[in-house]
Each structure stands twice: as structure tokens, then as C-alpha cells.
C-alpha atoms as a PDB file:
ATOM      1  CA  MET A   1      -1.045   0.545 -10.486  1.00  0.00           C
ATOM      2  CA  THR A   2       1.832  -1.607  -9.368  1.00  0.00           C
ATOM      3  CA  SER A   3       1.304  -5.228  -8.454  1.00  0.00           C
ATOM      4  CA  ILE A   4       3.067  -6.223  -5.250  1.00  0.00           C
ATOM      5  CA  GLU A   5       4.763  -9.556  -4.835  1.00  0.00           C
ATOM      6  CA  ILE A   6       3.606 -11.138  -1.611  1.00  0.00           C
ATOM      7  CA  PRO A   7       5.517 -13.873   0.240  1.00  0.00           C
ATOM      8  CA  VAL A   8       4.829 -17.428  -0.930  1.00  0.00           C
ATOM      9  CA  SER A   9       3.591 -18.466   2.510  1.00  0.00           C
ATOM     10  CA  ILE A  10       0.785 -15.888   2.568  1.00  0.00           C
ATOM     11  CA  ALA A  11      -0.039 -16.609  -1.081  1.00  0.00           C
ATOM     12  CA  ALA A  12      -0.527 -20.256  -0.098  1.00  0.00           C
ATOM     13  CA  ALA A  13      -2.602 -19.318   2.954  1.00  0.00           C
ATOM     14  CA  LEU A  14      -4.700 -16.793   0.984  1.00  0.00           C
ATOM     15  CA  PRO A  15      -4.592 -17.901  -2.659  1.00  0.00           C
ATOM     16  CA  SER A  16      -7.174 -15.310  -3.694  1.00  0.00           C
ATOM     17  CA  LEU A  17      -5.190 -12.375  -2.196  1.00  0.00           C
ATOM     18  CA  SER A  18      -3.721  -9.780  -4.497  1.00  0.00           C
ATOM     19  CA  VAL A  19      -2.213  -6.470  -3.476  1.00  0.00           C
ATOM     20  CA  MET A  20      -1.860  -3.410  -5.692  1.00  0.00           C
ATOM     21  CA  ASP A  21       0.022  -0.212  -4.886  1.00  0.00           C
ATOM     22  CA  ILE A  22      -2.205   2.659  -6.064  1.00  0.00           C
ATOM     23  CA  THR A  23      -0.183   5.491  -4.473  1.00  0.00           C
ATOM     24  CA  ASN A  24       1.140   6.933  -7.736  1.00  0.00           C
ATOM     25  CA  ASP A  25      -2.310   6.817  -9.366  1.00  0.00           C
ATOM     26  CA  VAL A  26      -3.904   8.609  -6.414  1.00  0.00           C
ATOM     27  CA  SER A  27      -1.077  11.190  -6.322  1.00  0.00           C
ATOM     28  CA  ARG A  28      -1.606  11.992 -10.013  1.00  0.00           C
ATOM     29  CA  GLU A  29      -5.358  12.399  -9.487  1.00  0.00           C
ATOM     30  CA  VAL A  30      -4.812  14.724  -6.507  1.00  0.00           C
ATOM     31  CA  ALA A  31      -2.261  16.830  -8.423  1.00  0.00           C
ATOM     32  CA  ALA A  32      -4.603  17.115 -11.418  1.00  0.00           C
ATOM     33  CA  ALA A  33      -7.532  18.181  -9.218  1.00  0.00           C
ATOM     34  CA  ASP A  34      -5.859  21.426  -8.214  1.00  0.00           C
ATOM     35  CA  VAL A  35      -6.844  21.054  -4.554  1.00  0.00           C
ATOM     36  CA  ASP A  36      -4.393  22.807  -2.249  1.00  0.00           C
ATOM     37  CA  ALA A  37      -5.527  21.348   1.081  1.00  0.00           C
ATOM     38  CA  GLY A  38      -8.155  18.873   2.209  1.00  0.00           C
ATOM     39  CA  ILE A  39      -8.779  15.159   2.476  1.00  0.00           C
ATOM     40  CA  ALA A  40      -8.643  12.435  -0.151  1.00  0.00           C
ATOM     41  CA  PHE A  41     -11.320   9.816   0.521  1.00  0.00           C
ATOM     42  CA  LEU A  42     -10.536   6.495  -1.169  1.00  0.00           C
ATOM     43  CA  HIS A  43     -13.168   3.793  -1.438  1.00  0.00           C
ATOM     44  CA  ALA A  44     -12.900   0.256  -2.843  1.00  0.00           C
ATOM     45  CA  GLU A  45     -15.797  -0.783  -5.050  1.00  0.00           C
ATOM     46  CA  SER A  46     -15.821  -4.550  -4.358  1.00  0.00           C
ATOM     47  CA  GLN A  47     -17.055  -6.032  -1.064  1.00  0.00           C
ATOM     48  CA  LEU A  48     -13.902  -8.155  -0.866  1.00  0.00           C
ATOM     49  CA  THR A  49     -11.471  -5.290  -1.472  1.00  0.00           C
ATOM     50  CA  ILE A  50     -10.060  -2.861   1.085  1.00  0.00           C
ATOM     51  CA  ILE A  51      -7.724   0.119   0.867  1.00  0.00           C
ATOM     52  CA  ARG A  52      -5.092   0.738   3.512  1.00  0.00           C
ATOM     53  CA  VAL A  53      -2.192   3.136   4.074  1.00  0.00           C
ATOM     54  CA  GLN A  54       0.668   0.866   5.038  1.00  0.00           C
ATOM     55  CA  GLU A  55       4.414   0.484   4.713  1.00  0.00           C
ATOM     56  CA  ARG A  56       5.168  -1.904   1.877  1.00  0.00           C
ATOM     57  CA  GLU A  57       7.539  -4.401   3.455  1.00  0.00           C
ATOM     58  CA  THR A  58       7.756  -8.178   3.744  1.00  0.00           C
ATOM     59  CA  GLY A  59       7.496  -8.288   7.543  1.00  0.00           C
ATOM     60  CA  PHE A  60       4.034  -6.770   7.392  1.00  0.00           C
ATOM     61  CA  PHE A  61       2.745  -9.546   5.117  1.00  0.00           C
ATOM     62  CA  GLU A  62       4.278 -12.231   7.340  1.00  0.00           C
ATOM     63  CA  ASP A  63       2.631 -10.704  10.422  1.00  0.00           C
ATOM     64  CA  LEU A  64      -0.666 -10.390   8.564  1.00  0.00           C
ATOM     65  CA  GLU A  65      -0.554 -14.052   7.554  1.00  0.00           C
ATOM     66  CA  SER A  66       0.065 -15.139  11.145  1.00  0.00           C
ATOM     67  CA  LEU A  67      -2.741 -12.961  12.505  1.00  0.00           C
ATOM     68  CA  LEU A  68      -5.302 -14.039   9.916  1.00  0.00           C
ATOM     69  CA  GLU A  69      -4.536 -17.735  10.377  1.00  0.00           C
ATOM     70  CA  ARG A  70      -5.079 -17.413  14.147  1.00  0.00           C
ATOM     71  CA  VAL A  71      -8.302 -15.460  13.829  1.00  0.00           C
ATOM     72  CA  VAL A  72      -9.899 -17.306  10.880  1.00  0.00           C
ATOM     73  CA  PRO A  73      -8.196 -20.634  10.093  1.00  0.00           C
ATOM     74  CA  SER A  74      -7.704 -21.409   6.402  1.00  0.00           C
ATOM     75  CA  SER A  75     -10.049 -24.414   6.676  1.00  0.00           C
ATOM     76  CA  PHE A  76     -12.987 -22.139   7.574  1.00  0.00           C
ATOM     77  CA  ALA A  77     -15.728 -21.841   4.932  1.00  0.00           C
ATOM     78  CA  SER A  78     -16.335 -18.346   3.514  1.00  0.00           C
ATOM     79  CA  ARG A  79     -12.986 -17.224   4.919  1.00  0.00           C
ATOM     80  CA  GLU A  80     -12.530 -14.320   2.465  1.00  0.00           C
ATOM     81  CA  ARG A  81     -15.795 -12.660   3.506  1.00  0.00           C
ATOM     82  CA  LEU A  82     -14.933 -12.933   7.199  1.00  0.00           C
ATOM     83  CA  LEU A  83     -11.424 -11.583   6.607  1.00  0.00           C
ATOM     84  CA  ALA A  84     -12.782  -8.616   4.654  1.00  0.00           C
ATOM     85  CA  PHE A  85     -15.152  -7.905   7.543  1.00  0.00           C
ATOM     86  CA  LEU A  86     -12.395  -8.189  10.164  1.00  0.00           C
ATOM     87  CA  LEU A  87      -9.928  -6.040   8.228  1.00  0.00           C
ATOM     88  CA  GLY A  88     -12.287  -3.120   8.546  1.00  0.00           C
ATOM     89  CA  PRO A  89     -13.990  -0.664   6.230  1.00  0.00           C
ATOM     90  CA  ARG A  90     -13.201  -0.617   2.523  1.00  0.00           C
ATOM     91  CA  SER A  91     -12.122   3.018   2.614  1.00  0.00           C
ATOM     92  CA  GLU A  92      -9.217   5.173   3.741  1.00  0.00           C
ATOM     93  CA  GLN A  93      -8.717   8.900   4.231  1.00  0.00           C
ATOM     94  CA  VAL A  94      -5.445  10.686   3.449  1.00  0.00           C
ATOM     95  CA  PRO A  95      -4.766  14.358   4.199  1.00  0.00           C
ATOM     96  CA  VAL A  96      -3.763  16.630   1.318  1.00  0.00           C
ATOM     97  CA  ALA A  97      -1.505  19.667   1.794  1.00  0.00           C
ATOM     98  CA  ALA A  98       0.176  21.863  -0.811  1.00  0.00           C
ATOM     99  CA  GLY A  99      -1.587  19.815  -3.497  1.00  0.00           C
ATOM    100  CA  ALA A 100       0.045  16.522  -2.464  1.00  0.00           C
ATOM    101  CA  LEU A 101      -0.801  13.510  -0.318  1.00  0.00           C
ATOM    102  CA  CYS A 102       0.493  13.669   3.273  1.00  0.00           C
ATOM    103  CA  LEU A 103       2.088  10.253   3.647  1.00  0.00           C
ATOM    104  CA  GLY A 104       5.074   9.154   5.686  1.00  0.00           C
ATOM    105  CA  GLN A 105       8.344   8.431   3.906  1.00  0.00           C
ATOM    106  CA  TRP A 106       7.633   4.710   3.499  1.00  0.00           C
ATOM    107  CA  GLN A 107       3.842   4.745   3.495  1.00  0.00           C
ATOM    108  CA  ARG A 108       1.967   3.596   0.412  1.00  0.00           C
ATOM    109  CA  ILE A 109      -1.719   3.301  -0.443  1.00  0.00           C
ATOM    110  CA  LEU A 110      -2.409  -0.394  -0.940  1.00  0.00           C
ATOM    111  CA  LEU A 111      -5.474  -2.049  -2.390  1.00  0.00           C
ATOM    112  CA  PHE A 112      -5.992  -5.529  -0.913  1.00  0.00           C
ATOM    113  CA  SER A 113      -8.313  -7.826  -2.838  1.00  0.00           C
ATOM    114  CA  LEU A 114      -9.506 -11.083  -1.316  1.00  0.00           C
ATOM    115  CA  ASP A 115     -11.482 -11.863  -4.456  1.00  0.00           C
ATOM    116  CA  ALA A 116     -10.113 -14.472  -6.876  1.00  0.00           C
ATOM    117  CA  GLN A 117     -11.352 -12.245  -9.717  1.00  0.00           C
ATOM    118  CA  HIS A 118      -9.381  -9.244  -8.417  1.00  0.00           C
ATOM    119  CA  ARG A 119     -11.176  -6.010  -9.271  1.00  0.00           C
ATOM    120  CA  PRO A 120      -8.834  -3.035  -8.848  1.00  0.00           C
ATOM    121  CA  GLU A 121     -11.718  -0.569  -8.881  1.00  0.00           C
ATOM    122  CA  TRP A 122     -11.662   2.362  -6.494  1.00  0.00           C
ATOM    123  CA  THR A 123     -13.032   5.866  -6.290  1.00  0.00           C
ATOM    124  CA  LEU A 124     -11.430   9.064  -5.069  1.00  0.00           C
ATOM    125  CA  THR A 125     -13.385  11.943  -3.562  1.00  0.00           C
ATOM    126  CA  LEU A 126     -11.477  15.105  -2.717  1.00  0.00           C
ATOM    127  CA  VAL A 127     -12.802  17.481  -0.089  1.00  0.00           C
ATOM    128  CA  GLY A 128     -10.978  20.730   0.330  1.00  0.00           C
END
């Protein structure tokens, strides 16, 4: 897993946020599974953790900060739980072809944790 440095402004707005790039870990698991074609289902274990396929670039984090502040202001109690709910399900599906993940050139699999005790726990289920 690779920790991702997030802009200072979003770190201040969401002090409990941590982001991990799990793409290489998932790719190794898929390659070791000897599955030629199918779907990789990724699921985050913690209620306050989500997995997303996303380009890993600074502009995305700045846009995310702006959106989240408008929707759920930082002064709101229980903000992390509401943000986790609004950001959608904790899982992601990625196609597999020729034994490899089908991702765009810049796409990465990111694990977003809104929990101050960041738990980078996820499961992978391959169907193929």
C-alpha cells in the first residue's frame, strides 16, 4: 500500500481523512489468482472506509474538499459518518482481462478512510 499525500487544505477540513493507493496490492492478488477474465470485487471492512477507482491527482482532492464542505459543513456533528454515507457504497468492481485489472492509464484504486484510527482492511473477491 502506498500512502497518498493530500493537500493541506483538505487535511485541515477533514483531519481524520487518509488515502491509500492499493492498486499494486490488488494487481498482485489478481495475478496470483490465475483468473483470466472476470470481475474483481473490492470491499472495505470499516464503515468509515470506501474504495474508489479514481485518477490520483491534486485537482480531484481540491474539488472533493469544496464539494464536501458545501454538502456537510465542517462544523456539523458526526460529519465523518454522513460523508461516508454520501460518498456511496464501500465497494468497487473492476473488470479483469488477460489476468490483469482493466484500468485506464491514470486510474488507481484508492482506499479513503474517514476514521481517525485508519484501518486499511479490505477484501478481494474474484469472479471469473
